[in-house]
């Protein structure tokens, strides 16, 4: 987690600690592996270096500049739902970005309690994508999603309102 020059560093043990980013040129994103030092007379840590990234997921802004969104991912989970009206251009752009970044993908259809989810993902499945239909609100399909992302470093993306936060909360509750 990062906000400005402050971050939360998670150790392999699972422990999480506050850290500050050292140096104006040190840019970190979610998923980065970093080198840290202790700050004298403080409980805070200092991020001094970003280690080599295995993968980079980025986007290009309207001015043609590239913005790195996440690093060291193994999977991009692209989510859509019947409400709000699906923007398949957004879904397809995420899938193209994942392919360009060398990431595996999972197409997730949420709110399957509203319409037939299997029908909604059929076109993506026939194109060779791994798909999953679920209802985060009704906790249906969560076990299948947990199995699909087990051992993965993944990012859940999709247009606003498709249930990313609801799904994240359901996964965190199920994991606790």
Protein backbone atom coordinates (compact mmCIF):
# COMPACT_ATOMS: atom_id res chain seq x y z
CA UNK A 1 0.00 0.00 0.00
CA UNK A 2 1.37 3.38 -0.90
CA UNK A 3 0.19 6.96 -0.54
CA UNK A 4 2.54 9.70 -1.64
CA UNK A 5 5.89 9.09 0.06
CA UNK A 6 4.41 6.78 2.71
CA UNK A 7 3.81 3.06 2.36
CA UNK A 8 2.90 -0.08 4.23
CA UNK A 9 5.48 -2.84 3.78
CA UNK A 10 4.37 -6.45 4.19
CA UNK A 11 7.07 -8.94 5.13
CA UNK A 12 7.03 -12.58 4.03
CA UNK A 13 5.98 -13.41 7.62
CA UNK A 14 2.79 -11.39 7.02
CA UNK A 15 3.84 -8.60 9.40
CA UNK A 16 2.97 -5.11 8.11
CA UNK A 17 4.95 -1.99 9.00
CA UNK A 18 4.88 1.70 8.08
CA UNK A 19 7.66 2.95 5.84
CA UNK A 20 8.74 6.14 4.12
CA UNK A 21 10.10 6.28 0.60
CA UNK A 22 13.67 7.56 0.57
CA UNK A 23 14.83 9.60 -2.41
CA UNK A 24 12.79 11.64 -4.82
CA UNK A 25 13.38 9.22 -7.70
CA UNK A 26 12.29 6.11 -5.85
CA UNK A 27 8.86 5.27 -7.26
CA UNK A 28 6.97 2.31 -5.85
CA UNK A 29 3.72 0.62 -6.82
CA UNK A 30 1.63 -2.14 -5.32
CA UNK A 31 3.46 -5.45 -5.63
CA UNK A 32 6.97 -4.01 -5.64
CA UNK A 33 9.64 -5.83 -3.71
CA UNK A 34 11.83 -3.34 -1.89
CA UNK A 35 15.00 -2.99 0.15
CA UNK A 36 14.46 -1.30 3.50
CA UNK A 37 16.55 0.22 6.30
CA UNK A 38 15.61 1.15 9.83
CA UNK A 39 15.23 4.84 10.65
CA UNK A 40 17.32 5.84 13.69
CA UNK A 41 15.29 6.49 16.86
CA UNK A 42 12.04 5.44 15.16
CA UNK A 43 9.82 2.42 14.57
CA UNK A 44 9.50 3.52 10.95
CA UNK A 45 11.34 1.93 8.07
CA UNK A 46 12.85 3.58 5.02
CA UNK A 47 12.40 2.17 1.51
CA UNK A 48 15.76 2.71 -0.18
CA UNK A 49 15.47 0.64 -3.35
CA UNK A 50 12.93 -1.03 -5.59
CA UNK A 51 14.14 -4.49 -6.60
CA UNK A 52 13.87 -5.78 -10.16
CA UNK A 53 10.28 -6.35 -11.27
CA UNK A 54 9.24 -9.67 -12.82
CA UNK A 55 6.15 -8.16 -14.43
CA UNK A 56 4.79 -4.66 -14.84
CA UNK A 57 1.14 -3.79 -15.44
CA UNK A 58 0.77 -0.27 -16.77
CA UNK A 59 -1.49 1.99 -18.75
CA UNK A 60 -0.97 4.91 -21.08
CA UNK A 61 -2.67 8.17 -20.18
CA UNK A 62 -4.30 10.59 -22.63
CA UNK A 63 -0.97 12.39 -23.11
CA UNK A 64 0.84 9.19 -24.11
CA UNK A 65 2.73 8.81 -20.82
CA UNK A 66 3.01 5.37 -19.27
CA UNK A 67 1.87 4.93 -15.69
CA UNK A 68 2.84 1.77 -13.83
CA UNK A 69 -0.14 0.44 -11.84
CA UNK A 70 1.27 -2.73 -10.25
CA UNK A 71 4.32 -4.96 -10.32
CA UNK A 72 5.17 -8.63 -9.86
CA UNK A 73 1.66 -9.84 -10.66
CA UNK A 74 1.00 -13.33 -11.95
CA UNK A 75 -2.71 -12.88 -12.71
CA UNK A 76 -5.11 -10.14 -13.74
CA UNK A 77 -8.72 -10.80 -12.73
CA UNK A 78 -10.97 -8.73 -15.01
CA UNK A 79 -14.46 -8.24 -13.61
CA UNK A 80 -17.73 -7.18 -15.19
CA UNK A 81 -21.41 -7.41 -14.23
CA UNK A 82 -24.87 -6.85 -15.72
CA UNK A 83 -25.17 -3.64 -13.68
CA UNK A 84 -23.86 -1.15 -14.51
CA UNK A 85 -24.21 -1.87 -18.22
CA UNK A 86 -21.01 -3.71 -19.18
CA UNK A 87 -18.42 -1.75 -21.12
CA UNK A 88 -16.75 -4.57 -23.04
CA UNK A 89 -14.21 -2.13 -24.47
CA UNK A 90 -12.88 -1.73 -20.90
CA UNK A 91 -12.86 -5.50 -20.34
CA UNK A 92 -11.05 -6.09 -23.64
CA UNK A 93 -8.48 -3.34 -22.92
CA UNK A 94 -7.63 -4.97 -19.59
CA UNK A 95 -7.29 -8.35 -21.29
CA UNK A 96 -5.03 -6.85 -23.97
CA UNK A 97 -2.94 -5.13 -21.30
CA UNK A 98 -2.56 -8.40 -19.43
CA UNK A 99 -1.43 -10.18 -22.60
CA UNK A 100 1.06 -7.39 -23.32
CA UNK A 101 2.39 -7.66 -19.74
CA UNK A 102 2.67 -11.45 -19.88
CA UNK A 103 0.02 -12.03 -17.22
CA UNK A 104 -2.44 -14.89 -17.00
CA UNK A 105 -6.06 -13.75 -16.89
CA UNK A 106 -9.33 -14.67 -15.27
CA UNK A 107 -12.58 -13.14 -16.51
CA UNK A 108 -14.94 -12.79 -13.55
CA UNK A 109 -18.66 -12.16 -14.00
CA UNK A 110 -20.26 -10.83 -10.81
CA UNK A 111 -23.93 -10.42 -9.90
CA UNK A 112 -24.81 -13.78 -11.45
CA UNK A 113 -27.89 -13.70 -9.23
CA UNK A 114 -29.33 -11.10 -11.66
CA UNK A 115 -28.79 -12.94 -14.96
CA UNK A 116 -27.26 -16.20 -16.18
CA UNK A 117 -23.55 -15.78 -15.60
CA UNK A 118 -22.54 -18.74 -17.76
CA UNK A 119 -24.15 -17.13 -20.77
CA UNK A 120 -22.47 -13.80 -19.93
CA UNK A 121 -18.95 -15.30 -20.04
CA UNK A 122 -19.54 -17.74 -22.90
CA UNK A 123 -17.88 -15.54 -25.53
CA UNK A 124 -14.76 -15.08 -23.40
CA UNK A 125 -14.61 -18.79 -22.62
CA UNK A 126 -14.92 -19.65 -26.32
CA UNK A 127 -12.03 -17.24 -27.00
CA UNK A 128 -9.88 -19.32 -24.62
CA UNK A 129 -10.07 -17.23 -21.45
CA UNK A 130 -10.52 -18.79 -18.03
CA UNK A 131 -13.87 -17.57 -16.71
CA UNK A 132 -15.82 -17.62 -13.50
CA UNK A 133 -19.39 -16.61 -12.75
CA UNK A 134 -20.31 -15.66 -9.20
CA UNK A 135 -22.38 -13.49 -6.89
CA UNK A 136 -20.24 -11.76 -4.27
CA UNK A 137 -23.35 -10.41 -2.55
CA UNK A 138 -24.80 -13.92 -2.12
CA UNK A 139 -21.38 -15.54 -1.51
CA UNK A 140 -21.95 -17.85 -4.46
CA UNK A 141 -18.85 -18.93 -6.38
CA UNK A 142 -16.39 -17.59 -3.79
CA UNK A 143 -14.86 -21.02 -3.14
CA UNK A 144 -14.18 -21.39 -6.86
CA UNK A 145 -12.62 -17.93 -6.99
CA UNK A 146 -10.44 -18.66 -3.96
CA UNK A 147 -9.20 -21.81 -5.70
CA UNK A 148 -8.53 -19.89 -8.93
CA UNK A 149 -6.40 -17.23 -7.19
CA UNK A 150 -4.67 -19.43 -4.60
CA UNK A 151 -0.93 -18.90 -4.84
CA UNK A 152 -1.33 -16.00 -7.28
CA UNK A 153 -0.32 -12.39 -6.93
CA UNK A 154 -3.33 -10.82 -8.58
CA UNK A 155 -5.06 -7.56 -9.26
CA UNK A 156 -8.84 -7.30 -9.51
CA UNK A 157 -9.89 -4.70 -12.10
CA UNK A 158 -13.11 -3.57 -13.76
CA UNK A 159 -15.36 -0.62 -14.29
CA UNK A 160 -16.87 1.23 -11.36
CA UNK A 161 -19.88 -0.44 -9.75
CA UNK A 162 -19.24 -4.07 -10.76
CA UNK A 163 -18.64 -5.15 -7.17
CA UNK A 164 -14.85 -5.17 -6.79
CA UNK A 165 -15.02 -3.88 -3.20
CA UNK A 166 -17.84 -6.26 -2.28
CA UNK A 167 -15.88 -9.18 -3.72
CA UNK A 168 -12.66 -8.10 -1.98
CA UNK A 169 -14.49 -7.83 1.35
CA UNK A 170 -16.09 -11.25 0.82
CA UNK A 171 -12.70 -12.82 0.05
CA UNK A 172 -11.08 -11.19 3.10
CA UNK A 173 -13.94 -12.33 5.34
CA UNK A 174 -13.73 -15.87 3.97
CA UNK A 175 -9.94 -15.92 4.50
CA UNK A 176 -10.17 -14.73 8.13
